[in-house]
Amino acid sequence: MKIEFTEAKGTSIAEVQSDTLVIHTAHEALELLINCSYQGAEKVIIRAENLIPAFFDLNTGIAGEVLQKFSTYRVQLAIVGDFSKYTSKSLRDFIFESNKMGHIYFANSLEEAKEKLSG
């Protein structure tokens, strides 16, 4: 795993880059969040393929646990991916509401994620 740091409008953004799963549990999410924060990042971008697939099944509770860590520590998060493949109405509603609230974003591209986090 590599973490690339960029700055947008005076805010440090950590972009997680990996070809493998990075987050399997809420504890791993917390470790990533702490690592990024320690290095000065206020916001984090991660790709959907770096999250355990069960994250996108809201019945598992993993999404809630992971996103709660970011909310608790007030670190904004953008998850980048193609979410059109998910047919669950509850997941689609969750994505819509998250994007509306403005702390956790689900973005279709890296550019969109950076724009949302720096806005």
PDB file of N, CA and C in Angstrom:
ATOM      1  N   MET A   1       0.849  -1.175   0.000  1.00  0.00           N
ATOM      2  CA  MET A   1       0.000   0.000   0.000  1.00  0.00           C
ATOM      3  C   MET A   1       0.896   1.240   0.000  1.00  0.00           C
ATOM      4  N   LYS A   2       0.482   2.200  -0.783  1.00  0.00           N
ATOM      5  CA  LYS A   2       1.171   3.483  -0.861  1.00  0.00           C
ATOM      6  C   LYS A   2       0.144   4.575  -0.574  1.00  0.00           C
ATOM      7  N   ILE A   3       0.574   5.604   0.118  1.00  0.00           N
ATOM      8  CA  ILE A   3      -0.299   6.741   0.382  1.00  0.00           C
ATOM      9  C   ILE A   3       0.359   7.967  -0.224  1.00  0.00           C
ATOM     10  N   GLU A   4      -0.348   8.588  -1.156  1.00  0.00           N
ATOM     11  CA  GLU A   4       0.151   9.796  -1.807  1.00  0.00           C
ATOM     12  C   GLU A   4      -0.585  10.988  -1.226  1.00  0.00           C
ATOM     13  N   PHE A   5       0.168  12.010  -0.867  1.00  0.00           N
ATOM     14  CA  PHE A   5      -0.420  13.204  -0.265  1.00  0.00           C
ATOM     15  C   PHE A   5      -0.420  14.342  -1.270  1.00  0.00           C
ATOM     16  N   THR A   6      -1.576  14.996  -1.379  1.00  0.00           N
ATOM     17  CA  THR A   6      -1.707  16.171  -2.235  1.00  0.00           C
ATOM     18  C   THR A   6      -2.366  17.273  -1.423  1.00  0.00           C
ATOM     19  N   GLU A   7      -2.292  18.460  -1.941  1.00  0.00           N
ATOM     20  CA  GLU A   7      -2.939  19.579  -1.262  1.00  0.00           C
ATOM     21  C   GLU A   7      -3.911  20.251  -2.220  1.00  0.00           C
ATOM     22  N   ALA A   8      -5.082  20.548  -1.721  1.00  0.00           N
ATOM     23  CA  ALA A   8      -6.105  21.223  -2.517  1.00  0.00           C
ATOM     24  C   ALA A   8      -6.747  22.290  -1.653  1.00  0.00           C
ATOM     25  N   LYS A   9      -6.647  23.520  -2.085  1.00  0.00           N
ATOM     26  CA  LYS A   9      -7.246  24.659  -1.371  1.00  0.00           C
ATOM     27  C   LYS A   9      -6.831  24.679   0.096  1.00  0.00           C
ATOM     28  N   GLY A  10      -5.548  24.407   0.347  1.00  0.00           N
ATOM     29  CA  GLY A  10      -5.007  24.465   1.697  1.00  0.00           C
ATOM     30  C   GLY A  10      -5.306  23.270   2.571  1.00  0.00           C
ATOM     31  N   THR A  11      -5.855  22.216   1.996  1.00  0.00           N
ATOM     32  CA  THR A  11      -6.195  21.015   2.750  1.00  0.00           C
ATOM     33  C   THR A  11      -5.383  19.834   2.254  1.00  0.00           C
ATOM     34  N   SER A  12      -4.796  19.087   3.175  1.00  0.00           N
ATOM     35  CA  SER A  12      -4.011  17.909   2.812  1.00  0.00           C
ATOM     36  C   SER A  12      -4.933  16.705   2.618  1.00  0.00           C
ATOM     37  N   ILE A  13      -4.791  16.064   1.456  1.00  0.00           N
ATOM     38  CA  ILE A  13      -5.604  14.892   1.123  1.00  0.00           C
ATOM     39  C   ILE A  13      -4.691  13.689   0.932  1.00  0.00           C
ATOM     40  N   ALA A  14      -4.998  12.591   1.606  1.00  0.00           N
ATOM     41  CA  ALA A  14      -4.254  11.344   1.460  1.00  0.00           C
ATOM     42  C   ALA A  14      -4.998  10.457   0.478  1.00  0.00           C
ATOM     43  N   GLU A  15      -4.291  10.001  -0.548  1.00  0.00           N
ATOM     44  CA  GLU A  15      -4.880   9.082  -1.518  1.00  0.00           C
ATOM     45  C   GLU A  15      -4.237   7.716  -1.340  1.00  0.00           C
ATOM     46  N   VAL A  16      -5.052   6.741  -0.960  1.00  0.00           N
ATOM     47  CA  VAL A  16      -4.571   5.386  -0.751  1.00  0.00           C
ATOM     48  C   VAL A  16      -4.472   4.691  -2.097  1.00  0.00           C
ATOM     49  N   GLN A  17      -3.311   4.117  -2.366  1.00  0.00           N
ATOM     50  CA  GLN A  17      -3.087   3.414  -3.621  1.00  0.00           C
ATOM     51  C   GLN A  17      -2.626   1.997  -3.309  1.00  0.00           C
ATOM     52  N   SER A  18      -3.413   1.036  -3.772  1.00  0.00           N
ATOM     53  CA  SER A  18      -3.093  -0.365  -3.516  1.00  0.00           C
ATOM     54  C   SER A  18      -3.793  -1.253  -4.537  1.00  0.00           C
ATOM     55  N   ASP A  19      -3.154  -2.375  -4.840  1.00  0.00           N
ATOM     56  CA  ASP A  19      -3.753  -3.370  -5.731  1.00  0.00           C
ATOM     57  C   ASP A  19      -4.479  -4.457  -4.949  1.00  0.00           C
ATOM     58  N   THR A  20      -4.505  -4.332  -3.638  1.00  0.00           N
ATOM     59  CA  THR A  20      -5.125  -5.357  -2.798  1.00  0.00           C
ATOM     60  C   THR A  20      -6.131  -4.713  -1.842  1.00  0.00           C
ATOM     61  N   LEU A  21      -6.831  -5.550  -1.111  1.00  0.00           N
ATOM     62  CA  LEU A  21      -7.756  -5.059  -0.087  1.00  0.00           C
ATOM     63  C   LEU A  21      -6.953  -4.369   1.010  1.00  0.00           C
ATOM     64  N   VAL A  22      -7.412  -3.224   1.432  1.00  0.00           N
ATOM     65  CA  VAL A  22      -6.735  -2.466   2.478  1.00  0.00           C
ATOM     66  C   VAL A  22      -7.549  -2.507   3.771  1.00  0.00           C
ATOM     67  N   ILE A  23      -8.871  -2.463   3.621  1.00  0.00           N
ATOM     68  CA  ILE A  23      -9.739  -2.429   4.797  1.00  0.00           C
ATOM     69  C   ILE A  23     -10.657  -3.646   4.804  1.00  0.00           C
ATOM     70  N   HIS A  24     -10.441  -4.483   5.823  1.00  0.00           N
ATOM     71  CA  HIS A  24     -11.294  -5.641   6.065  1.00  0.00           C
ATOM     72  C   HIS A  24     -12.203  -5.396   7.272  1.00  0.00           C
ATOM     73  N   THR A  25     -11.709  -4.569   8.199  1.00  0.00           N
ATOM     74  CA  THR A  25     -12.401  -4.350   9.470  1.00  0.00           C
ATOM     75  C   THR A  25     -12.387  -2.867   9.839  1.00  0.00           C
ATOM     76  N   ALA A  26     -13.208  -2.524  10.816  1.00  0.00           N
ATOM     77  CA  ALA A  26     -13.231  -1.149  11.319  1.00  0.00           C
ATOM     78  C   ALA A  26     -11.895  -0.797  11.964  1.00  0.00           C
ATOM     79  N   HIS A  27     -11.252  -1.768  12.579  1.00  0.00           N
ATOM     80  CA  HIS A  27      -9.945  -1.522  13.198  1.00  0.00           C
ATOM     81  C   HIS A  27      -8.902  -1.139  12.145  1.00  0.00           C
ATOM     82  N   GLU A  28      -8.922  -1.817  11.011  1.00  0.00           N
ATOM     83  CA  GLU A  28      -7.992  -1.465   9.926  1.00  0.00           C
ATOM     84  C   GLU A  28      -8.294  -0.073   9.379  1.00  0.00           C
ATOM     85  N   ALA A  29      -9.557   0.288   9.329  1.00  0.00           N
ATOM     86  CA  ALA A  29      -9.934   1.632   8.892  1.00  0.00           C
ATOM     87  C   ALA A  29      -9.388   2.667   9.868  1.00  0.00           C
ATOM     88  N   LEU A  30      -9.494   2.381  11.153  1.00  0.00           N
ATOM     89  CA  LEU A  30      -8.983   3.290  12.171  1.00  0.00           C
ATOM     90  C   LEU A  30      -7.463   3.434  12.053  1.00  0.00           C
ATOM     91  N   GLU A  31      -6.765   2.329  11.829  1.00  0.00           N
ATOM     92  CA  GLU A  31      -5.313   2.386  11.664  1.00  0.00           C
ATOM     93  C   GLU A  31      -4.933   3.240  10.452  1.00  0.00           C
ATOM     94  N   LEU A  32      -5.649   3.082   9.350  1.00  0.00           N
ATOM     95  CA  LEU A  32      -5.396   3.879   8.156  1.00  0.00           C
ATOM     96  C   LEU A  32      -5.664   5.352   8.439  1.00  0.00           C
ATOM     97  N   LEU A  33      -6.770   5.637   9.060  1.00  0.00           N
ATOM     98  CA  LEU A  33      -7.143   7.007   9.412  1.00  0.00           C
ATOM     99  C   LEU A  33      -6.065   7.646  10.289  1.00  0.00           C
ATOM    100  N   ILE A  34      -5.605   6.944  11.301  1.00  0.00           N
ATOM    101  CA  ILE A  34      -4.577   7.470  12.206  1.00  0.00           C
ATOM    102  C   ILE A  34      -3.273   7.703  11.450  1.00  0.00           C
ATOM    103  N   ASN A  35      -2.899   6.759  10.604  1.00  0.00           N
ATOM    104  CA  ASN A  35      -1.676   6.889   9.810  1.00  0.00           C
ATOM    105  C   ASN A  35      -1.743   8.141   8.934  1.00  0.00           C
ATOM    106  N   CYS A  36      -2.850   8.311   8.238  1.00  0.00           N
ATOM    107  CA  CYS A  36      -3.005   9.476   7.358  1.00  0.00           C
ATOM    108  C   CYS A  36      -3.033  10.775   8.158  1.00  0.00           C
ATOM    109  N   SER A  37      -3.750  10.789   9.264  1.00  0.00           N
ATOM    110  CA  SER A  37      -3.835  11.983  10.106  1.00  0.00           C
ATOM    111  C   SER A  37      -2.476  12.343  10.694  1.00  0.00           C
ATOM    112  N   TYR A  38      -1.743  11.343  11.127  1.00  0.00           N
ATOM    113  CA  TYR A  38      -0.418  11.560  11.708  1.00  0.00           C
ATOM    114  C   TYR A  38       0.508  12.246  10.704  1.00  0.00           C
ATOM    115  N   GLN A  39       0.301  11.937   9.426  1.00  0.00           N
ATOM    116  CA  GLN A  39       1.120  12.533   8.372  1.00  0.00           C
ATOM    117  C   GLN A  39       0.541  13.851   7.854  1.00  0.00           C
ATOM    118  N   GLY A  40      -0.499  14.338   8.513  1.00  0.00           N
ATOM    119  CA  GLY A  40      -1.029  15.658   8.218  1.00  0.00           C
ATOM    120  C   GLY A  40      -2.269  15.717   7.350  1.00  0.00           C
ATOM    121  N   ALA A  41      -2.785  14.584   6.926  1.00  0.00           N
ATOM    122  CA  ALA A  41      -3.970  14.586   6.065  1.00  0.00           C
ATOM    123  C   ALA A  41      -5.234  14.843   6.874  1.00  0.00           C
ATOM    124  N   GLU A  42      -6.090  15.666   6.320  1.00  0.00           N
ATOM    125  CA  GLU A  42      -7.387  15.954   6.927  1.00  0.00           C
ATOM    126  C   GLU A  42      -8.504  15.205   6.217  1.00  0.00           C
ATOM    127  N   LYS A  43      -8.164  14.680   5.031  1.00  0.00           N
ATOM    128  CA  LYS A  43      -9.147  13.987   4.206  1.00  0.00           C
ATOM    129  C   LYS A  43      -8.470  12.793   3.544  1.00  0.00           C
ATOM    130  N   VAL A  44      -9.267  11.750   3.255  1.00  0.00           N
ATOM    131  CA  VAL A  44      -8.726  10.506   2.711  1.00  0.00           C
ATOM    132  C   VAL A  44      -9.549  10.057   1.509  1.00  0.00           C
ATOM    133  N   ILE A  45      -8.849   9.574   0.500  1.00  0.00           N
ATOM    134  CA  ILE A  45      -9.492   8.965  -0.672  1.00  0.00           C
ATOM    135  C   ILE A  45      -9.054   7.513  -0.743  1.00  0.00           C
ATOM    136  N   ILE A  46     -10.021   6.625  -0.916  1.00  0.00           N
ATOM    137  CA  ILE A  46      -9.737   5.200  -1.085  1.00  0.00           C
ATOM    138  C   ILE A  46     -10.622   4.667  -2.198  1.00  0.00           C
ATOM    139  N   ARG A  47     -10.146   3.685  -2.901  1.00  0.00           N
ATOM    140  CA  ARG A  47     -10.929   3.083  -3.985  1.00  0.00           C
ATOM    141  C   ARG A  47     -11.815   1.967  -3.439  1.00  0.00           C
ATOM    142  N   ALA A  48     -12.960   1.805  -4.059  1.00  0.00           N
ATOM    143  CA  ALA A  48     -13.924   0.796  -3.616  1.00  0.00           C
ATOM    144  C   ALA A  48     -13.312  -0.603  -3.610  1.00  0.00           C
ATOM    145  N   GLU A  49     -12.439  -0.891  -4.572  1.00  0.00           N
ATOM    146  CA  GLU A  49     -11.840  -2.229  -4.638  1.00  0.00           C
ATOM    147  C   GLU A  49     -10.847  -2.483  -3.506  1.00  0.00           C
ATOM    148  N   ASN A  50     -10.516  -1.458  -2.724  1.00  0.00           N
ATOM    149  CA  ASN A  50      -9.637  -1.636  -1.573  1.00  0.00           C
ATOM    150  C   ASN A  50     -10.415  -1.948  -0.299  1.00  0.00           C
ATOM    151  N   LEU A  51     -11.735  -1.970  -0.422  1.00  0.00           N
ATOM    152  CA  LEU A  51     -12.612  -2.305   0.700  1.00  0.00           C
ATOM    153  C   LEU A  51     -13.130  -3.719   0.530  1.00  0.00           C
ATOM    154  N   ILE A  52     -13.254  -4.431   1.618  1.00  0.00           N
ATOM    155  CA  ILE A  52     -13.803  -5.778   1.574  1.00  0.00           C
ATOM    156  C   ILE A  52     -15.193  -5.719   0.931  1.00  0.00           C
ATOM    157  N   PRO A  53     -15.528  -6.663   0.037  1.00  0.00           N
ATOM    158  CA  PRO A  53     -16.834  -6.618  -0.636  1.00  0.00           C
ATOM    159  C   PRO A  53     -18.026  -6.544   0.324  1.00  0.00           C
ATOM    160  N   ALA A  54     -17.890  -7.131   1.500  1.00  0.00           N
ATOM    161  CA  ALA A  54     -18.982  -7.088   2.479  1.00  0.00           C
ATOM    162  C   ALA A  54     -19.292  -5.663   2.934  1.00  0.00           C
ATOM    163  N   PHE A  55     -18.380  -4.730   2.707  1.00  0.00           N
ATOM    164  CA  PHE A  55     -18.621  -3.320   3.024  1.00  0.00           C
ATOM    165  C   PHE A  55     -19.887  -2.835   2.321  1.00  0.00           C
ATOM    166  N   PHE A  56     -20.098  -3.302   1.105  1.00  0.00           N
ATOM    167  CA  PHE A  56     -21.219  -2.836   0.289  1.00  0.00           C
ATOM    168  C   PHE A  56     -22.504  -3.626   0.521  1.00  0.00           C
ATOM    169  N   ASP A  57     -22.486  -4.535   1.483  1.00  0.00           N
ATOM    170  CA  ASP A  57     -23.685  -5.226   1.937  1.00  0.00           C
ATOM    171  C   ASP A  57     -24.010  -4.635   3.303  1.00  0.00           C
ATOM    172  N   LEU A  58     -24.944  -3.709   3.338  1.00  0.00           N
ATOM    173  CA  LEU A  58     -25.223  -2.973   4.569  1.00  0.00           C
ATOM    174  C   LEU A  58     -25.670  -3.870   5.713  1.00  0.00           C
ATOM    175  N   ASN A  59     -26.152  -5.066   5.407  1.00  0.00           N
ATOM    176  CA  ASN A  59     -26.577  -5.993   6.456  1.00  0.00           C
ATOM    177  C   ASN A  59     -25.414  -6.456   7.324  1.00  0.00           C
ATOM    178  N   THR A  60     -24.182  -6.386   6.812  1.00  0.00           N
ATOM    179  CA  THR A  60     -23.020  -6.838   7.586  1.00  0.00           C
ATOM    180  C   THR A  60     -22.631  -5.828   8.662  1.00  0.00           C
ATOM    181  N   GLY A  61     -22.989  -4.567   8.482  1.00  0.00           N
ATOM    182  CA  GLY A  61     -22.639  -3.533   9.445  1.00  0.00           C
ATOM    183  C   GLY A  61     -21.230  -2.981   9.293  1.00  0.00           C
ATOM    184  N   ILE A  62     -20.465  -3.535   8.375  1.00  0.00           N
ATOM    185  CA  ILE A  62     -19.076  -3.100   8.210  1.00  0.00           C
ATOM    186  C   ILE A  62     -19.009  -1.651   7.743  1.00  0.00           C
ATOM    187  N   ALA A  63     -19.836  -1.286   6.787  1.00  0.00           N
ATOM    188  CA  ALA A  63     -19.825   0.099   6.289  1.00  0.00           C
ATOM    189  C   ALA A  63     -20.093   1.075   7.426  1.00  0.00           C
ATOM    190  N   GLY A  64     -21.085   0.799   8.215  1.00  0.00           N
ATOM    191  CA  GLY A  64     -21.412   1.679   9.333  1.00  0.00           C
ATOM    192  C   GLY A  64     -20.274   1.812  10.320  1.00  0.00           C
ATOM    193  N   GLU A  65     -19.624   0.686  10.636  1.00  0.00           N
ATOM    194  CA  GLU A  65     -18.509   0.711  11.579  1.00  0.00           C
ATOM    195  C   GLU A  65     -17.330   1.504  11.021  1.00  0.00           C
ATOM    196  N   VAL A  66     -17.007   1.266   9.756  1.00  0.00           N
ATOM    197  CA  VAL A  66     -15.863   1.947   9.128  1.00  0.00           C
ATOM    198  C   VAL A  66     -16.137   3.439   9.026  1.00  0.00           C
ATOM    199  N   LEU A  67     -17.291   3.796   8.513  1.00  0.00           N
ATOM    200  CA  LEU A  67     -17.598   5.209   8.312  1.00  0.00           C
ATOM    201  C   LEU A  67     -17.762   5.955   9.626  1.00  0.00           C
ATOM    202  N   GLN A  68     -18.180   5.251  10.664  1.00  0.00           N
ATOM    203  CA  GLN A  68     -18.288   5.870  11.988  1.00  0.00           C
ATOM    204  C   GLN A  68     -16.916   6.310  12.492  1.00  0.00           C
ATOM    205  N   LYS A  69     -15.878   5.536  12.190  1.00  0.00           N
ATOM    206  CA  LYS A  69     -14.514   5.909  12.599  1.00  0.00           C
ATOM    207  C   LYS A  69     -14.130   7.251  11.978  1.00  0.00           C
ATOM    208  N   PHE A  70     -14.394   7.406  10.682  1.00  0.00           N
ATOM    209  CA  PHE A  70     -14.052   8.657  10.009  1.00  0.00           C
ATOM    210  C   PHE A  70     -14.875   9.815  10.541  1.00  0.00           C
ATOM    211  N   SER A  71     -16.143   9.575  10.831  1.00  0.00           N
ATOM    212  CA  SER A  71     -17.000  10.629  11.383  1.00  0.00           C
ATOM    213  C   SER A  71     -16.555  11.022  12.783  1.00  0.00           C
ATOM    214  N   THR A  72     -16.262  10.034  13.612  1.00  0.00           N
ATOM    215  CA  THR A  72     -15.843  10.297  14.986  1.00  0.00           C
ATOM    216  C   THR A  72     -14.581  11.141  15.037  1.00  0.00           C
ATOM    217  N   TYR A  73     -13.634  10.826  14.172  1.00  0.00           N
ATOM    218  CA  TYR A  73     -12.359  11.544  14.173  1.00  0.00           C
ATOM    219  C   TYR A  73     -12.354  12.748  13.227  1.00  0.00           C
ATOM    220  N   ARG A  74     -13.514  13.038  12.656  1.00  0.00           N
ATOM    221  CA  ARG A  74     -13.709  14.204  11.789  1.00  0.00           C
ATOM    222  C   ARG A  74     -12.719  14.272  10.641  1.00  0.00           C
ATOM    223  N   VAL A  75     -12.536  13.126  10.004  1.00  0.00           N
ATOM    224  CA  VAL A  75     -11.714  13.037   8.804  1.00  0.00           C
ATOM    225  C   VAL A  75     -12.650  12.704   7.658  1.00  0.00           C
ATOM    226  N   GLN A  76     -12.710  13.598   6.663  1.00  0.00           N
ATOM    227  CA  GLN A  76     -13.587  13.343   5.522  1.00  0.00           C
ATOM    228  C   GLN A  76     -13.022  12.197   4.696  1.00  0.00           C
ATOM    229  N   LEU A  77     -13.913  11.435   4.091  1.00  0.00           N
ATOM    230  CA  LEU A  77     -13.540  10.269   3.301  1.00  0.00           C
ATOM    231  C   LEU A  77     -14.280  10.290   1.980  1.00  0.00           C
ATOM    232  N   ALA A  78     -13.544   9.973   0.914  1.00  0.00           N
ATOM    233  CA  ALA A  78     -14.172   9.770  -0.393  1.00  0.00           C
ATOM    234  C   ALA A  78     -13.824   8.362  -0.854  1.00  0.00           C
ATOM    235  N   ILE A  79     -14.832   7.637  -1.256  1.00  0.00           N
ATOM    236  CA  ILE A  79     -14.652   6.286  -1.795  1.00  0.00           C
ATOM    237  C   ILE A  79     -14.919   6.382  -3.285  1.00  0.00           C
ATOM    238  N   VAL A  80     -13.943   5.952  -4.077  1.00  0.00           N
ATOM    239  CA  VAL A  80     -14.026   6.077  -5.529  1.00  0.00           C
ATOM    240  C   VAL A  80     -14.329   4.717  -6.145  1.00  0.00           C
ATOM    241  N   GLY A  81     -15.324   4.684  -7.028  1.00  0.00           N
ATOM    242  CA  GLY A  81     -15.646   3.436  -7.699  1.00  0.00           C
ATOM    243  C   GLY A  81     -16.877   3.553  -8.571  1.00  0.00           C
ATOM    244  N   ASP A  82     -17.209   2.442  -9.190  1.00  0.00           N
ATOM    245  CA  ASP A  82     -18.415   2.351 -10.004  1.00  0.00           C
ATOM    246  C   ASP A  82     -19.496   1.707  -9.137  1.00  0.00           C
ATOM    247  N   PHE A  83     -20.381   2.511  -8.627  1.00  0.00           N
ATOM    248  CA  PHE A  83     -21.403   2.016  -7.704  1.00  0.00           C
ATOM    249  C   PHE A  83     -22.688   1.620  -8.415  1.00  0.00           C
ATOM    250  N   SER A  84     -22.731   1.789  -9.726  1.00  0.00           N
ATOM    251  CA  SER A  84     -23.923   1.434 -10.490  1.00  0.00           C
ATOM    252  C   SER A  84     -24.164  -0.076 -10.496  1.00  0.00           C
ATOM    253  N   LYS A  85     -23.134  -0.853 -10.218  1.00  0.00           N
ATOM    254  CA  LYS A  85     -23.293  -2.311 -10.224  1.00  0.00           C
ATOM    255  C   LYS A  85     -24.053  -2.830  -9.004  1.00  0.00           C
ATOM    256  N   TYR A  86     -24.224  -1.991  -7.999  1.00  0.00           N
ATOM    257  CA  TYR A  86     -24.948  -2.415  -6.804  1.00  0.00           C
ATOM    258  C   TYR A  86     -26.430  -2.105  -6.981  1.00  0.00           C
ATOM    259  N   THR A  87     -27.245  -3.114  -6.783  1.00  0.00           N
ATOM    260  CA  THR A  87     -28.682  -2.970  -7.032  1.00  0.00           C
ATOM    261  C   THR A  87     -29.499  -2.762  -5.762  1.00  0.00           C
ATOM    262  N   SER A  88     -28.873  -2.885  -4.620  1.00  0.00           N
ATOM    263  CA  SER A  88     -29.575  -2.736  -3.347  1.00  0.00           C
ATOM    264  C   SER A  88     -30.108  -1.313  -3.180  1.00  0.00           C
ATOM    265  N   LYS A  89     -31.411  -1.200  -2.980  1.00  0.00           N
ATOM    266  CA  LYS A  89     -32.012   0.120  -2.766  1.00  0.00           C
ATOM    267  C   LYS A  89     -31.468   0.762  -1.502  1.00  0.00           C
ATOM    268  N   SER A  90     -31.274  -0.030  -0.459  1.00  0.00           N
ATOM    269  CA  SER A  90     -30.763   0.545   0.788  1.00  0.00           C
ATOM    270  C   SER A  90     -29.343   1.083   0.599  1.00  0.00           C
ATOM    271  N   LEU A  91     -28.508   0.397  -0.189  1.00  0.00           N
ATOM    272  CA  LEU A  91     -27.160   0.898  -0.448  1.00  0.00           C
ATOM    273  C   LEU A  91     -27.207   2.159  -1.298  1.00  0.00           C
ATOM    274  N   ARG A  92     -28.054   2.163  -2.307  1.00  0.00           N
ATOM    275  CA  ARG A  92     -28.184   3.367  -3.141  1.00  0.00           C
ATOM    276  C   ARG A  92     -28.651   4.561  -2.304  1.00  0.00           C
ATOM    277  N   ASP A  93     -29.609   4.329  -1.407  1.00  0.00           N
ATOM    278  CA  ASP A  93     -30.088   5.381  -0.513  1.00  0.00           C
ATOM    279  C   ASP A  93     -28.971   5.843   0.424  1.00  0.00           C
ATOM    280  N   PHE A  94     -28.202   4.894   0.922  1.00  0.00           N
ATOM    281  CA  PHE A  94     -27.081   5.191   1.815  1.00  0.00           C
ATOM    282  C   PHE A  94     -26.047   6.071   1.109  1.00  0.00           C
ATOM    283  N   ILE A  95     -25.722   5.727  -0.126  1.00  0.00           N
ATOM    284  CA  ILE A  95     -24.767   6.510  -0.920  1.00  0.00           C
ATOM    285  C   ILE A  95     -25.313   7.913  -1.155  1.00  0.00           C
ATOM    286  N   PHE A  96     -26.589   8.006  -1.529  1.00  0.00           N
ATOM    287  CA  PHE A  96     -27.219   9.305  -1.771  1.00  0.00           C
ATOM    288  C   PHE A  96     -27.168  10.184  -0.523  1.00  0.00           C
ATOM    289  N   GLU A  97     -27.563   9.620   0.608  1.00  0.00           N
ATOM    290  CA  GLU A  97     -27.598  10.378   1.863  1.00  0.00           C
ATOM    291  C   GLU A  97     -26.191  10.764   2.317  1.00  0.00           C
ATOM    292  N   SER A  98     -25.230   9.869   2.144  1.00  0.00           N
ATOM    293  CA  SER A  98     -23.841  10.177   2.521  1.00  0.00           C
ATOM    294  C   SER A  98     -23.325  11.353   1.708  1.00  0.00           C
ATOM    295  N   ASN A  99     -23.550  11.323   0.410  1.00  0.00           N
ATOM    296  CA  ASN A  99     -23.097  12.412  -0.456  1.00  0.00           C
ATOM    297  C   ASN A  99     -23.781  13.731  -0.098  1.00  0.00           C
ATOM    298  N   LYS A 100     -25.028  13.644   0.314  1.00  0.00           N
ATOM    299  CA  LYS A 100     -25.797  14.838   0.676  1.00  0.00           C
ATOM    300  C   LYS A 100     -25.291  15.452   1.984  1.00  0.00           C
ATOM    301  N   MET A 101     -24.891  14.600   2.928  1.00  0.00           N
ATOM    302  CA  MET A 101     -24.445  15.080   4.239  1.00  0.00           C
ATOM    303  C   MET A 101     -23.081  15.769   4.150  1.00  0.00           C
ATOM    304  N   GLY A 102     -22.221  15.325   3.240  1.00  0.00           N
ATOM    305  CA  GLY A 102     -20.970  16.021   3.005  1.00  0.00           C
ATOM    306  C   GLY A 102     -19.770  15.613   3.830  1.00  0.00           C
ATOM    307  N   HIS A 103     -19.848  14.525   4.565  1.00  0.00           N
ATOM    308  CA  HIS A 103     -18.665  14.075   5.306  1.00  0.00           C
ATOM    309  C   HIS A 103     -18.043  12.837   4.676  1.00  0.00           C
ATOM    310  N   ILE A 104     -18.886  11.970   4.180  1.00  0.00           N
ATOM    311  CA  ILE A 104     -18.463  10.769   3.463  1.00  0.00           C
ATOM    312  C   ILE A 104     -19.009  10.893   2.052  1.00  0.00           C
ATOM    313  N   TYR A 105     -18.127  10.733   1.069  1.00  0.00           N
ATOM    314  CA  TYR A 105     -18.546  10.841  -0.326  1.00  0.00           C
ATOM    315  C   TYR A 105     -18.295   9.538  -1.067  1.00  0.00           C
ATOM    316  N   PHE A 106     -19.182   9.241  -1.961  1.00  0.00           N
ATOM    317  CA  PHE A 106     -19.000   8.155  -2.909  1.00  0.00           C
ATOM    318  C   PHE A 106     -18.874   8.824  -4.277  1.00  0.00           C
ATOM    319  N   ALA A 107     -17.703   8.705  -4.888  1.00  0.00           N
ATOM    320  CA  ALA A 107     -17.420   9.408  -6.137  1.00  0.00           C
ATOM    321  C   ALA A 107     -17.136   8.414  -7.252  1.00  0.00           C
ATOM    322  N   ASN A 108     -17.451   8.815  -8.478  1.00  0.00           N
ATOM    323  CA  ASN A 108     -17.230   7.943  -9.633  1.00  0.00           C
ATOM    324  C   ASN A 108     -15.815   8.021 -10.177  1.00  0.00           C
ATOM    325  N   SER A 109     -15.087   9.075  -9.828  1.00  0.00           N
ATOM    326  CA  SER A 109     -13.721   9.234 -10.335  1.00  0.00           C
ATOM    327  C   SER A 109     -12.847   9.897  -9.278  1.00  0.00           C
ATOM    328  N   LEU A 110     -11.557   9.759  -9.456  1.00  0.00           N
ATOM    329  CA  LEU A 110     -10.607  10.395  -8.552  1.00  0.00           C
ATOM    330  C   LEU A 110     -10.750  11.914  -8.609  1.00  0.00           C
ATOM    331  N   GLU A 111     -10.971  12.442  -9.801  1.00  0.00           N
ATOM    332  CA  GLU A 111     -11.134  13.887  -9.966  1.00  0.00           C
ATOM    333  C   GLU A 111     -12.369  14.384  -9.205  1.00  0.00           C
ATOM    334  N   GLU A 112     -13.468  13.630  -9.297  1.00  0.00           N
ATOM    335  CA  GLU A 112     -14.687  13.991  -8.587  1.00  0.00           C
ATOM    336  C   GLU A 112     -14.455  13.947  -7.072  1.00  0.00           C
ATOM    337  N   ALA A 113     -13.728  12.937  -6.610  1.00  0.00           N
ATOM    338  CA  ALA A 113     -13.432  12.810  -5.178  1.00  0.00           C
ATOM    339  C   ALA A 113     -12.634  14.011  -4.694  1.00  0.00           C
ATOM    340  N   LYS A 114     -11.593  14.380  -5.420  1.00  0.00           N
ATOM    341  CA  LYS A 114     -10.771  15.527  -5.027  1.00  0.00           C
ATOM    342  C   LYS A 114     -11.578  16.821  -5.031  1.00  0.00           C
ATOM    343  N   GLU A 115     -12.453  16.960  -6.006  1.00  0.00           N
ATOM    344  CA  GLU A 115     -13.289  18.153  -6.092  1.00  0.00           C
ATOM    345  C   GLU A 115     -14.225  18.239  -4.888  1.00  0.00           C
ATOM    346  N   LYS A 116     -14.851  17.128  -4.533  1.00  0.00           N
ATOM    347  CA  LYS A 116     -15.779  17.119  -3.392  1.00  0.00           C
ATOM    348  C   LYS A 116     -15.046  17.393  -2.084  1.00  0.00           C
ATOM    349  N   LEU A 117     -13.868  16.812  -1.918  1.00  0.00           N
ATOM    350  CA  LEU A 117     -13.124  16.999  -0.673  1.00  0.00           C
ATOM    351  C   LEU A 117     -12.517  18.387  -0.558  1.00  0.00           C
ATOM    352  N   SER A 118     -12.233  19.021  -1.656  1.00  0.00           N
ATOM    353  CA  SER A 118     -11.608  20.335  -1.583  1.00  0.00           C
ATOM    354  C   SER A 118     -12.616  21.475  -1.665  1.00  0.00           C
ATOM    355  N   GLY A 119     -13.888  21.128  -1.835  1.00  0.00           N
ATOM    356  CA  GLY A 119     -14.925  22.148  -1.963  1.00  0.00           C
ATOM    357  C   GLY A 119     -15.412  22.696  -0.682  1.00  0.00           C
TER     358      GLY A 119
END
